[in-house]
Amino acid sequence: MLTADKAMAGDGKLIATAGLQQVEGAGGGGLVPWATLSGHDTRAQTSGSVFMSRLPLPDFTLTAYGVSLSLYDRVELSVARQEFDIASLGEQLAQQIVGVKVRLYGDLVYSRWPQLSAGVQYKNTQYPLIPQTLGVQKMSGTDAYIAATKVHLNAIAGRNLIWNTTMSYTDANQFGLLGFGNANGHQRRLQFQGSIAVLLTRQLAIGFEYREKPNNLPLPEDNALDVFVTYIPSKYFNITAAWVDLGRIAGQSDQQGWYFSLGGQLW
């Protein structure tokens, strides 16, 4: 009979190799989904993780939180919610996100080639009034992506280097908070996302992320980037601080701020 064990803190993968949970709930960095799954489970184990992130900006505040389940080092299931407060209007945007990711090939540490995973994220915008004033007709959409992630041991002055490349197929406006596509319907495009980080110690990493975003609306939408520091003292807890630049949002320029995220594995 096949049985599954829960992954405990001393078991499973090496610390830090599961990455974090990004703002849409998938395993990865802060902005970008990686090929990593969100837990430290091996092929005979399961694990559960939670996260909460907050990004205050000059004219907006983004809050994201969610849970994920990683099964047998093969499949990741995630549920997340994003809330976007608009200070000048006293209004809020929000969306629900349900994600599925499957590891297709490899191991980011031990295989010669990068680990590959493919995923989808179904998004549902909760408050349609503001997107509709911009001509957006679709309040739900599905992002599809494929990601490649690799760790190079002792790559820089004896320290480990990790990189990730993700290609997504999406028409989500501001991650989906402003709906999908435009007045002409869905306008999906391939978008590049990338991350690179150096592990200064087994528990401390610094890195950079970049994420392209579709530009479907009359008000221009800029690409996003961040510079982050992550501390992972154990598999049960991680904390990240990042400087984030989201560019122009709904006509408001220079939307930059400090992002903070807490997360960890429940079992």
Foldseek 3Di string as FASTA:
>chain_A
DQAAAAADQVDADAPCQQAAAEQQGAGDYPDDHALHGNARAAQRYKWKKWKWKWWDWPFKIKIKIWMWIDHRRFKIWIKMKIWMAGVVVRDIKMKIKIKMKGFDDDGQEPDPFFTKMKMKIKMAIDDQPVLVVQAADARIDMKIKMKTKHWDALPDVRWIKIKMKMKMWAQQDVNRSSHGAGNVYHDTDIWIKMKMWIAPDSFKIWIKIWTAHDQRTPQGWGTKMKTKIKGDPTQAKIKMKIWMFRADDPNDGGTIGIMIMMMHIPD
